[in-house]
Amino acid sequence: NSTWVDASLSKEAVGEVTSYAFKF
């Protein structure tokens, strides 16, 4: 098992940061 695809996306809101990752 090893990471094949790892794409990230960050979204900022009031008082909060959400990070989305797409991992295959």
PDB file of all heavy atoms in Angstrom:
ATOM      1  N   ASN A   1       0.838  -1.202   0.000  1.00  0.00           N
ATOM      2  CA  ASN A   1       0.000   0.000   0.000  1.00  0.00           C
ATOM      3  C   ASN A   1       0.871   1.250   0.000  1.00  0.00           C
ATOM      4  O   ASN A   1       1.740   1.405   0.851  1.00  0.00           O
ATOM      5  CB  ASN A   1      -0.906  -0.006   1.233  1.00  0.00           C
ATOM      6  CG  ASN A   1      -2.063   0.969   1.086  1.00  0.00           C
ATOM      7  OD1 ASN A   1      -2.126   1.731   0.132  1.00  0.00           O
ATOM      8  ND2 ASN A   1      -2.983   0.922   2.026  1.00  0.00           N
ATOM      9  N   SER A   2       0.669   2.096  -0.969  1.00  0.00           N
ATOM     10  CA  SER A   2       1.335   3.394  -1.012  1.00  0.00           C
ATOM     11  C   SER A   2       0.427   4.374  -1.739  1.00  0.00           C
ATOM     12  O   SER A   2      -0.475   3.978  -2.476  1.00  0.00           O
ATOM     13  CB  SER A   2       2.693   3.297  -1.722  1.00  0.00           C
ATOM     14  OG  SER A   2       2.533   2.852  -3.059  1.00  0.00           O
ATOM     15  N   THR A   3       0.650   5.661  -1.517  1.00  0.00           N
ATOM     16  CA  THR A   3      -0.202   6.679  -2.127  1.00  0.00           C
ATOM     17  C   THR A   3       0.059   6.769  -3.623  1.00  0.00           C
ATOM     18  O   THR A   3       1.203   6.863  -4.073  1.00  0.00           O
ATOM     19  CB  THR A   3       0.050   8.046  -1.480  1.00  0.00           C
ATOM     20  OG1 THR A   3      -0.231   7.949  -0.080  1.00  0.00           O
ATOM     21  CG2 THR A   3      -0.839   9.107  -2.098  1.00  0.00           C
ATOM     22  N   TRP A   4      -0.999   6.731  -4.383  1.00  0.00           N
ATOM     23  CA  TRP A   4      -0.919   6.785  -5.836  1.00  0.00           C
ATOM     24  C   TRP A   4      -1.238   8.207  -6.312  1.00  0.00           C
ATOM     25  O   TRP A   4      -0.475   8.831  -7.040  1.00  0.00           O
ATOM     26  CB  TRP A   4      -1.895   5.760  -6.422  1.00  0.00           C
ATOM     27  CG  TRP A   4      -1.978   5.698  -7.902  1.00  0.00           C
ATOM     28  CD1 TRP A   4      -0.992   5.984  -8.792  1.00  0.00           C
ATOM     29  CD2 TRP A   4      -3.122   5.299  -8.675  1.00  0.00           C
ATOM     30  NE1 TRP A   4      -1.441   5.789 -10.078  1.00  0.00           N
ATOM     31  CE2 TRP A   4      -2.749   5.369 -10.039  1.00  0.00           C
ATOM     32  CE3 TRP A   4      -4.404   4.884  -8.371  1.00  0.00           C
ATOM     33  CZ2 TRP A   4      -3.622   5.049 -11.068  1.00  0.00           C
ATOM     34  CZ3 TRP A   4      -5.284   4.552  -9.394  1.00  0.00           C
ATOM     35  CH2 TRP A   4      -4.883   4.640 -10.725  1.00  0.00           C
ATOM     36  N   VAL A   5      -2.381   8.738  -5.889  1.00  0.00           N
ATOM     37  CA  VAL A   5      -2.791  10.103  -6.211  1.00  0.00           C
ATOM     38  C   VAL A   5      -3.213  10.778  -4.911  1.00  0.00           C
ATOM     39  O   VAL A   5      -3.984  10.211  -4.126  1.00  0.00           O
ATOM     40  CB  VAL A   5      -3.955  10.127  -7.218  1.00  0.00           C
ATOM     41  CG1 VAL A   5      -4.408  11.559  -7.474  1.00  0.00           C
ATOM     42  CG2 VAL A   5      -3.557   9.451  -8.520  1.00  0.00           C
ATOM     43  N   ASP A   6      -2.703  11.991  -4.673  1.00  0.00           N
ATOM     44  CA  ASP A   6      -3.066  12.731  -3.463  1.00  0.00           C
ATOM     45  C   ASP A   6      -3.241  14.200  -3.838  1.00  0.00           C
ATOM     46  O   ASP A   6      -2.276  14.949  -3.968  1.00  0.00           O
ATOM     47  CB  ASP A   6      -1.988  12.568  -2.395  1.00  0.00           C
ATOM     48  CG  ASP A   6      -2.403  13.154  -1.052  1.00  0.00           C
ATOM     49  OD1 ASP A   6      -3.494  13.759  -0.993  1.00  0.00           O
ATOM     50  OD2 ASP A   6      -1.655  12.992  -0.073  1.00  0.00           O
ATOM     51  N   ALA A   7      -4.487  14.592  -4.028  1.00  0.00           N
ATOM     52  CA  ALA A   7      -4.801  15.977  -4.400  1.00  0.00           C
ATOM     53  C   ALA A   7      -5.538  16.640  -3.246  1.00  0.00           C
ATOM     54  O   ALA A   7      -6.426  16.028  -2.630  1.00  0.00           O
ATOM     55  CB  ALA A   7      -5.658  15.995  -5.666  1.00  0.00           C
ATOM     56  N   SER A   8      -5.176  17.876  -2.952  1.00  0.00           N
ATOM     57  CA  SER A   8      -5.763  18.571  -1.802  1.00  0.00           C
ATOM     58  C   SER A   8      -6.416  19.883  -2.239  1.00  0.00           C
ATOM     59  O   SER A   8      -6.017  20.507  -3.229  1.00  0.00           O
ATOM     60  CB  SER A   8      -4.694  18.868  -0.741  1.00  0.00           C
ATOM     61  OG  SER A   8      -4.131  17.666  -0.248  1.00  0.00           O
ATOM     62  N   LEU A   9      -7.404  20.297  -1.451  1.00  0.00           N
ATOM     63  CA  LEU A   9      -8.123  21.543  -1.711  1.00  0.00           C
ATOM     64  C   LEU A   9      -8.535  22.130  -0.366  1.00  0.00           C
ATOM     65  O   LEU A   9      -9.074  21.425   0.487  1.00  0.00           O
ATOM     66  CB  LEU A   9      -9.364  21.297  -2.575  1.00  0.00           C
ATOM     67  CG  LEU A   9     -10.298  22.487  -2.816  1.00  0.00           C
ATOM     68  CD1 LEU A   9      -9.592  23.530  -3.669  1.00  0.00           C
ATOM     69  CD2 LEU A   9     -11.587  22.023  -3.494  1.00  0.00           C
ATOM     70  N   SER A  10      -8.247  23.409  -0.129  1.00  0.00           N
ATOM     71  CA  SER A  10      -8.592  24.060   1.133  1.00  0.00           C
ATOM     72  C   SER A  10      -9.729  25.061   0.914  1.00  0.00           C
ATOM     73  O   SER A  10      -9.788  25.743  -0.108  1.00  0.00           O
ATOM     74  CB  SER A  10      -7.381  24.795   1.719  1.00  0.00           C
ATOM     75  OG  SER A  10      -6.361  23.876   2.049  1.00  0.00           O
ATOM     76  N   LYS A  11     -10.594  25.130   1.920  1.00  0.00           N
ATOM     77  CA  LYS A  11     -11.716  26.061   1.867  1.00  0.00           C
ATOM     78  C   LYS A  11     -11.816  26.776   3.210  1.00  0.00           C
ATOM     79  O   LYS A  11     -11.912  26.130   4.258  1.00  0.00           O
ATOM     80  CB  LYS A  11     -13.013  25.301   1.568  1.00  0.00           C
ATOM     81  CG  LYS A  11     -14.250  26.190   1.543  1.00  0.00           C
ATOM     82  CD  LYS A  11     -15.496  25.364   1.291  1.00  0.00           C
ATOM     83  CE  LYS A  11     -16.738  26.243   1.318  1.00  0.00           C
ATOM     84  NZ  LYS A  11     -17.980  25.442   1.119  1.00  0.00           N
ATOM     85  N   GLU A  12     -11.766  28.094   3.191  1.00  0.00           N
ATOM     86  CA  GLU A  12     -11.797  28.881   4.421  1.00  0.00           C
ATOM     87  C   GLU A  12     -13.203  29.431   4.649  1.00  0.00           C
ATOM     88  O   GLU A  12     -13.864  29.906   3.738  1.00  0.00           O
ATOM     89  CB  GLU A  12     -10.804  30.043   4.352  1.00  0.00           C
ATOM     90  CG  GLU A  12      -9.350  29.596   4.261  1.00  0.00           C
ATOM     91  CD  GLU A  12      -8.395  30.758   4.353  1.00  0.00           C
ATOM     92  OE1 GLU A  12      -8.845  31.842   4.790  1.00  0.00           O
ATOM     93  OE2 GLU A  12      -7.224  30.585   4.007  1.00  0.00           O
ATOM     94  N   ALA A  13     -13.620  29.316   5.912  1.00  0.00           N
ATOM     95  CA  ALA A  13     -14.879  29.911   6.343  1.00  0.00           C
ATOM     96  C   ALA A  13     -14.602  30.700   7.614  1.00  0.00           C
ATOM     97  O   ALA A  13     -13.478  30.714   8.116  1.00  0.00           O
ATOM     98  CB  ALA A  13     -15.931  28.828   6.573  1.00  0.00           C
ATOM     99  N   VAL A  14     -15.613  31.364   8.155  1.00  0.00           N
ATOM    100  CA  VAL A  14     -15.427  32.191   9.350  1.00  0.00           C
ATOM    101  C   VAL A  14     -15.013  31.302  10.524  1.00  0.00           C
ATOM    102  O   VAL A  14     -15.770  30.439  10.959  1.00  0.00           O
ATOM    103  CB  VAL A  14     -16.717  32.961   9.687  1.00  0.00           C
ATOM    104  CG1 VAL A  14     -16.516  33.785  10.973  1.00  0.00           C
ATOM    105  CG2 VAL A  14     -17.111  33.866   8.534  1.00  0.00           C
ATOM    106  N   GLY A  15     -13.782  31.516  11.007  1.00  0.00           N
ATOM    107  CA  GLY A  15     -13.305  30.770  12.172  1.00  0.00           C
ATOM    108  C   GLY A  15     -12.988  29.320  11.903  1.00  0.00           C
ATOM    109  O   GLY A  15     -12.782  28.546  12.830  1.00  0.00           O
ATOM    110  N   GLU A  16     -12.938  28.925  10.632  1.00  0.00           N
ATOM    111  CA  GLU A  16     -12.728  27.499  10.356  1.00  0.00           C
ATOM    112  C   GLU A  16     -12.064  27.330   8.996  1.00  0.00           C
ATOM    113  O   GLU A  16     -12.370  28.053   8.047  1.00  0.00           O
ATOM    114  CB  GLU A  16     -14.063  26.750  10.380  1.00  0.00           C
ATOM    115  CG  GLU A  16     -13.930  25.257  10.131  1.00  0.00           C
ATOM    116  CD  GLU A  16     -15.282  24.558  10.192  1.00  0.00           C
ATOM    117  OE1 GLU A  16     -16.247  25.168  10.714  1.00  0.00           O
ATOM    118  OE2 GLU A  16     -15.375  23.415   9.716  1.00  0.00           O
ATOM    119  N   VAL A  17     -11.147  26.400   8.922  1.00  0.00           N
ATOM    120  CA  VAL A  17     -10.506  26.036   7.663  1.00  0.00           C
ATOM    121  C   VAL A  17     -10.780  24.561   7.417  1.00  0.00           C
ATOM    122  O   VAL A  17     -10.530  23.716   8.282  1.00  0.00           O
ATOM    123  CB  VAL A  17      -8.985  26.295   7.689  1.00  0.00           C
ATOM    124  CG1 VAL A  17      -8.354  25.826   6.385  1.00  0.00           C
ATOM    125  CG2 VAL A  17      -8.700  27.768   7.917  1.00  0.00           C
ATOM    126  N   THR A  18     -11.313  24.260   6.248  1.00  0.00           N
ATOM    127  CA  THR A  18     -11.598  22.870   5.899  1.00  0.00           C
ATOM    128  C   THR A  18     -10.699  22.463   4.749  1.00  0.00           C
ATOM    129  O   THR A  18     -10.625  23.164   3.733  1.00  0.00           O
ATOM    130  CB  THR A  18     -13.072  22.688   5.488  1.00  0.00           C
ATOM    131  OG1 THR A  18     -13.894  23.107   6.570  1.00  0.00           O
ATOM    132  CG2 THR A  18     -13.354  21.226   5.164  1.00  0.00           C
ATOM    133  N   SER A  19     -10.012  21.360   4.909  1.00  0.00           N
ATOM    134  CA  SER A  19      -9.107  20.846   3.887  1.00  0.00           C
ATOM    135  C   SER A  19      -9.680  19.547   3.337  1.00  0.00           C
ATOM    136  O   SER A  19      -9.987  18.620   4.091  1.00  0.00           O
ATOM    137  CB  SER A  19      -7.720  20.583   4.484  1.00  0.00           C
ATOM    138  OG  SER A  19      -6.879  19.947   3.547  1.00  0.00           O
ATOM    139  N   TYR A  20      -9.837  19.505   2.020  1.00  0.00           N
ATOM    140  CA  TYR A  20     -10.344  18.309   1.343  1.00  0.00           C
ATOM    141  C   TYR A  20      -9.190  17.608   0.631  1.00  0.00           C
ATOM    142  O   TYR A  20      -8.386  18.255  -0.052  1.00  0.00           O
ATOM    143  CB  TYR A  20     -11.416  18.671   0.306  1.00  0.00           C
ATOM    144  CG  TYR A  20     -12.678  19.253   0.901  1.00  0.00           C
ATOM    145  CD1 TYR A  20     -12.827  20.630   1.029  1.00  0.00           C
ATOM    146  CD2 TYR A  20     -13.713  18.433   1.316  1.00  0.00           C
ATOM    147  CE1 TYR A  20     -13.986  21.175   1.566  1.00  0.00           C
ATOM    148  CE2 TYR A  20     -14.874  18.962   1.856  1.00  0.00           C
ATOM    149  CZ  TYR A  20     -15.002  20.337   1.988  1.00  0.00           C
ATOM    150  OH  TYR A  20     -16.145  20.863   2.511  1.00  0.00           O
ATOM    151  N   ALA A  21      -9.106  16.322   0.801  1.00  0.00           N
ATOM    152  CA  ALA A  21      -8.073  15.537   0.125  1.00  0.00           C
ATOM    153  C   ALA A  21      -8.735  14.423  -0.668  1.00  0.00           C
ATOM    154  O   ALA A  21      -9.695  13.794  -0.203  1.00  0.00           O
ATOM    155  CB  ALA A  21      -7.094  14.950   1.137  1.00  0.00           C
ATOM    156  N   PHE A  22      -8.211  14.194  -1.852  1.00  0.00           N
ATOM    157  CA  PHE A  22      -8.689  13.100  -2.705  1.00  0.00           C
ATOM    158  C   PHE A  22      -7.531  12.129  -2.873  1.00  0.00           C
ATOM    159  O   PHE A  22      -6.535  12.439  -3.528  1.00  0.00           O
ATOM    160  CB  PHE A  22      -9.164  13.642  -4.050  1.00  0.00           C
ATOM    161  CG  PHE A  22     -10.257  14.654  -3.931  1.00  0.00           C
ATOM    162  CD1 PHE A  22      -9.970  16.012  -3.784  1.00  0.00           C
ATOM    163  CD2 PHE A  22     -11.583  14.266  -3.931  1.00  0.00           C
ATOM    164  CE1 PHE A  22     -10.975  16.950  -3.658  1.00  0.00           C
ATOM    165  CE2 PHE A  22     -12.609  15.195  -3.803  1.00  0.00           C
ATOM    166  CZ  PHE A  22     -12.294  16.545  -3.663  1.00  0.00           C
ATOM    167  N   LYS A  23      -7.655  10.956  -2.264  1.00  0.00           N
ATOM    168  CA  LYS A  23      -6.552  10.006  -2.207  1.00  0.00           C
ATOM    169  C   LYS A  23      -6.927   8.710  -2.907  1.00  0.00           C
ATOM    170  O   LYS A  23      -7.969   8.126  -2.635  1.00  0.00           O
ATOM    171  CB  LYS A  23      -6.183   9.702  -0.746  1.00  0.00           C
ATOM    172  CG  LYS A  23      -5.687  10.895   0.040  1.00  0.00           C
ATOM    173  CD  LYS A  23      -5.335  10.497   1.471  1.00  0.00           C
ATOM    174  CE  LYS A  23      -4.833  11.703   2.261  1.00  0.00           C
ATOM    175  NZ  LYS A  23      -4.511  11.340   3.666  1.00  0.00           N
ATOM    176  N   PHE A  24      -6.036   8.282  -3.789  1.00  0.00           N
ATOM    177  CA  PHE A  24      -6.170   6.979  -4.412  1.00  0.00           C
ATOM    178  C   PHE A  24      -4.876   6.222  -4.188  1.00  0.00           C
ATOM    179  O   PHE A  24      -3.782   6.765  -4.362  1.00  0.00           O
ATOM    180  CB  PHE A  24      -6.493   7.111  -5.899  1.00  0.00           C
ATOM    181  CG  PHE A  24      -7.730   7.927  -6.148  1.00  0.00           C
ATOM    182  CD1 PHE A  24      -7.666   9.134  -6.833  1.00  0.00           C
ATOM    183  CD2 PHE A  24      -8.952   7.504  -5.673  1.00  0.00           C
ATOM    184  CE1 PHE A  24      -8.803   9.896  -7.039  1.00  0.00           C
ATOM    185  CE2 PHE A  24     -10.096   8.266  -5.870  1.00  0.00           C
ATOM    186  CZ  PHE A  24     -10.026   9.460  -6.558  1.00  0.00           C
TER     187      PHE A  24
END
